[in-house]
Amino acid sequence: MARHYVTFGQDHVHALNGKILDKDCVASYEARDRVEGRDRAFELFGPKFCMEYHDTEFKDDILKWFPRGVIDID
């Protein structure tokens, strides 16, 4: 399993498991591989997300743009 990260656009707001996910945070969850990770993003958020990153692609320096940080949704 690997971590996957999803960012959201300006008008993308989701309520999931009692957590609000929006443009100010990065959602994080586990998936077996890149394909499952992308599929899960669409299952969770439909077409309303900006980018999906596999653990090996995600760089911590991106967090400067997300004041609420990473929110684990597993």
N, C-alpha and C. Protein backbone atom coordinates (compact mmCIF):
# COMPACT_ATOMS: atom_id res chain seq x y z
N MET A 1 0.85 -1.19 0.00
CA MET A 1 0.00 0.00 0.00
C MET A 1 0.89 1.25 0.00
N ALA A 2 0.39 2.28 -0.63
CA ALA A 2 1.12 3.54 -0.70
C ALA A 2 0.16 4.69 -0.41
N ARG A 3 0.69 5.78 0.09
CA ARG A 3 -0.12 6.97 0.33
C ARG A 3 -0.40 7.65 -1.00
N HIS A 4 -1.57 8.23 -1.09
CA HIS A 4 -1.96 9.04 -2.24
C HIS A 4 -2.48 10.35 -1.70
N TYR A 5 -2.29 11.40 -2.46
CA TYR A 5 -2.64 12.75 -2.03
C TYR A 5 -3.49 13.42 -3.10
N VAL A 6 -4.50 14.15 -2.67
CA VAL A 6 -5.41 14.82 -3.59
C VAL A 6 -5.53 16.28 -3.18
N THR A 7 -5.42 17.17 -4.17
CA THR A 7 -5.66 18.59 -3.95
C THR A 7 -6.96 18.97 -4.64
N PHE A 8 -7.50 20.11 -4.24
CA PHE A 8 -8.81 20.55 -4.71
C PHE A 8 -8.74 21.94 -5.32
N GLY A 9 -9.67 22.20 -6.24
CA GLY A 9 -9.78 23.51 -6.85
C GLY A 9 -10.51 24.50 -5.95
N GLN A 10 -10.58 25.73 -6.38
CA GLN A 10 -11.16 26.82 -5.58
C GLN A 10 -12.60 26.56 -5.16
N ASP A 11 -13.40 25.92 -6.01
CA ASP A 11 -14.80 25.70 -5.66
C ASP A 11 -15.12 24.24 -5.33
N HIS A 12 -14.10 23.45 -5.03
CA HIS A 12 -14.30 22.04 -4.67
C HIS A 12 -14.33 21.91 -3.15
N VAL A 13 -15.50 21.60 -2.61
CA VAL A 13 -15.65 21.40 -1.16
C VAL A 13 -16.36 20.07 -0.95
N HIS A 14 -15.78 19.23 -0.08
CA HIS A 14 -16.33 17.92 0.20
C HIS A 14 -16.41 17.72 1.71
N ALA A 15 -17.46 17.07 2.17
CA ALA A 15 -17.58 16.63 3.56
C ALA A 15 -17.46 15.11 3.53
N LEU A 16 -16.45 14.58 4.21
CA LEU A 16 -16.19 13.14 4.17
C LEU A 16 -15.75 12.68 5.55
N ASN A 17 -16.45 11.72 6.10
CA ASN A 17 -16.11 11.17 7.42
C ASN A 17 -16.00 12.27 8.48
N GLY A 18 -16.88 13.26 8.41
CA GLY A 18 -16.87 14.34 9.38
C GLY A 18 -15.77 15.37 9.17
N LYS A 19 -15.08 15.29 8.05
CA LYS A 19 -13.99 16.23 7.75
C LYS A 19 -14.36 17.04 6.52
N ILE A 20 -14.02 18.32 6.55
CA ILE A 20 -14.23 19.20 5.40
C ILE A 20 -12.94 19.25 4.60
N LEU A 21 -13.05 18.97 3.32
CA LEU A 21 -11.90 18.99 2.42
C LEU A 21 -12.15 20.06 1.38
N ASP A 22 -11.16 20.94 1.20
CA ASP A 22 -11.33 22.07 0.30
C ASP A 22 -9.97 22.52 -0.25
N LYS A 23 -9.95 23.68 -0.86
CA LYS A 23 -8.75 24.24 -1.49
C LYS A 23 -7.60 24.49 -0.53
N ASP A 24 -7.87 24.49 0.77
CA ASP A 24 -6.84 24.81 1.76
C ASP A 24 -6.19 23.58 2.40
N CYS A 25 -6.51 22.38 1.89
CA CYS A 25 -5.93 21.17 2.47
C CYS A 25 -5.60 20.16 1.38
N VAL A 26 -4.90 19.12 1.78
CA VAL A 26 -4.57 18.00 0.91
C VAL A 26 -5.15 16.75 1.56
N ALA A 27 -5.98 16.01 0.84
CA ALA A 27 -6.52 14.76 1.35
C ALA A 27 -5.50 13.65 1.15
N SER A 28 -5.44 12.71 2.08
CA SER A 28 -4.49 11.61 1.99
C SER A 28 -5.20 10.30 2.31
N TYR A 29 -4.88 9.26 1.54
CA TYR A 29 -5.45 7.93 1.75
C TYR A 29 -4.50 6.89 1.18
N GLU A 30 -4.77 5.62 1.47
CA GLU A 30 -3.93 4.54 0.97
C GLU A 30 -4.60 3.82 -0.19
N ALA A 31 -3.76 3.37 -1.11
CA ALA A 31 -4.20 2.54 -2.23
C ALA A 31 -3.02 1.65 -2.65
N ARG A 32 -3.34 0.55 -3.32
CA ARG A 32 -2.29 -0.40 -3.69
C ARG A 32 -1.31 0.13 -4.71
N ASP A 33 -1.81 0.87 -5.69
CA ASP A 33 -0.94 1.34 -6.77
C ASP A 33 -1.52 2.63 -7.36
N ARG A 34 -0.85 3.14 -8.38
CA ARG A 34 -1.27 4.40 -9.00
C ARG A 34 -2.68 4.34 -9.58
N VAL A 35 -2.99 3.23 -10.23
CA VAL A 35 -4.31 3.10 -10.86
C VAL A 35 -5.40 3.08 -9.80
N GLU A 36 -5.23 2.28 -8.77
CA GLU A 36 -6.22 2.24 -7.69
C GLU A 36 -6.32 3.59 -6.99
N GLY A 37 -5.20 4.27 -6.83
CA GLY A 37 -5.20 5.59 -6.19
C GLY A 37 -6.01 6.60 -6.97
N ARG A 38 -5.84 6.63 -8.27
CA ARG A 38 -6.62 7.55 -9.12
C ARG A 38 -8.08 7.15 -9.14
N ASP A 39 -8.36 5.86 -9.25
CA ASP A 39 -9.75 5.40 -9.23
C ASP A 39 -10.43 5.78 -7.92
N ARG A 40 -9.70 5.64 -6.83
CA ARG A 40 -10.29 5.98 -5.53
C ARG A 40 -10.59 7.48 -5.43
N ALA A 41 -9.74 8.30 -6.00
CA ALA A 41 -10.00 9.75 -6.01
C ALA A 41 -11.34 10.03 -6.69
N PHE A 42 -11.59 9.39 -7.82
CA PHE A 42 -12.86 9.60 -8.51
C PHE A 42 -14.03 9.03 -7.71
N GLU A 43 -13.83 7.90 -7.03
CA GLU A 43 -14.89 7.33 -6.19
C GLU A 43 -15.25 8.27 -5.04
N LEU A 44 -14.24 8.85 -4.43
CA LEU A 44 -14.45 9.72 -3.27
C LEU A 44 -14.96 11.11 -3.64
N PHE A 45 -14.43 11.68 -4.71
CA PHE A 45 -14.67 13.09 -5.00
C PHE A 45 -15.34 13.36 -6.34
N GLY A 46 -15.64 12.30 -7.10
CA GLY A 46 -16.17 12.52 -8.44
C GLY A 46 -15.16 13.30 -9.25
N PRO A 47 -15.62 14.17 -10.14
CA PRO A 47 -14.68 14.96 -10.95
C PRO A 47 -14.23 16.25 -10.26
N LYS A 48 -14.59 16.42 -8.98
CA LYS A 48 -14.29 17.68 -8.29
C LYS A 48 -13.06 17.58 -7.42
N PHE A 49 -11.92 17.42 -8.07
CA PHE A 49 -10.63 17.53 -7.41
C PHE A 49 -9.66 18.08 -8.46
N CYS A 50 -8.53 18.54 -8.00
CA CYS A 50 -7.58 19.16 -8.92
C CYS A 50 -6.51 18.17 -9.36
N MET A 51 -5.71 17.68 -8.41
CA MET A 51 -4.59 16.78 -8.74
C MET A 51 -4.59 15.60 -7.79
N GLU A 52 -4.11 14.45 -8.30
CA GLU A 52 -3.93 13.26 -7.47
C GLU A 52 -2.47 12.86 -7.61
N TYR A 53 -1.81 12.63 -6.47
CA TYR A 53 -0.39 12.30 -6.46
C TYR A 53 -0.15 10.96 -5.76
N HIS A 54 0.69 10.12 -6.35
CA HIS A 54 1.19 8.92 -5.69
C HIS A 54 2.27 9.37 -4.71
N ASP A 55 2.49 8.59 -3.68
CA ASP A 55 3.47 8.92 -2.65
C ASP A 55 4.83 9.33 -3.22
N THR A 56 5.29 8.69 -4.26
CA THR A 56 6.61 9.00 -4.82
C THR A 56 6.62 10.33 -5.58
N GLU A 57 5.45 10.86 -5.93
CA GLU A 57 5.37 12.12 -6.67
C GLU A 57 5.13 13.33 -5.76
N PHE A 58 4.61 13.08 -4.57
CA PHE A 58 4.22 14.18 -3.68
C PHE A 58 5.44 14.78 -3.00
N LYS A 59 5.57 16.09 -3.11
CA LYS A 59 6.68 16.81 -2.49
C LYS A 59 6.14 17.70 -1.37
N ASP A 60 6.78 17.62 -0.22
CA ASP A 60 6.31 18.38 0.94
C ASP A 60 6.31 19.89 0.73
N ASP A 61 7.14 20.40 -0.19
CA ASP A 61 7.18 21.85 -0.39
C ASP A 61 5.86 22.40 -0.95
N ILE A 62 5.02 21.54 -1.50
CA ILE A 62 3.71 21.98 -1.99
C ILE A 62 2.80 22.43 -0.83
N LEU A 63 3.09 21.95 0.37
CA LEU A 63 2.23 22.26 1.52
C LEU A 63 2.20 23.74 1.87
N LYS A 64 3.15 24.52 1.39
CA LYS A 64 3.12 25.96 1.67
C LYS A 64 1.86 26.60 1.09
N TRP A 65 1.25 25.95 0.11
CA TRP A 65 0.03 26.49 -0.52
C TRP A 65 -1.25 25.98 0.14
N PHE A 66 -1.13 25.11 1.15
CA PHE A 66 -2.28 24.49 1.79
C PHE A 66 -2.20 24.70 3.31
N PRO A 67 -2.76 25.80 3.79
CA PRO A 67 -2.60 26.17 5.20
C PRO A 67 -3.19 25.14 6.19
N ARG A 68 -4.15 24.33 5.77
CA ARG A 68 -4.73 23.33 6.67
C ARG A 68 -3.94 22.02 6.66
N GLY A 69 -2.95 21.92 5.78
CA GLY A 69 -2.08 20.75 5.75
C GLY A 69 -2.73 19.51 5.16
N VAL A 70 -2.15 18.37 5.51
CA VAL A 70 -2.63 17.07 5.03
C VAL A 70 -3.68 16.53 5.99
N ILE A 71 -4.80 16.07 5.43
CA ILE A 71 -5.87 15.47 6.24
C ILE A 71 -6.03 14.02 5.79
N ASP A 72 -5.80 13.11 6.72
CA ASP A 72 -5.91 11.68 6.45
C ASP A 72 -7.39 11.30 6.46
N ILE A 73 -7.85 10.65 5.40
CA ILE A 73 -9.27 10.29 5.33
C ILE A 73 -9.50 8.79 5.46
N ASP A 74 -8.45 8.02 5.72
CA ASP A 74 -8.60 6.56 5.93
C ASP A 74 -9.17 6.28 7.28
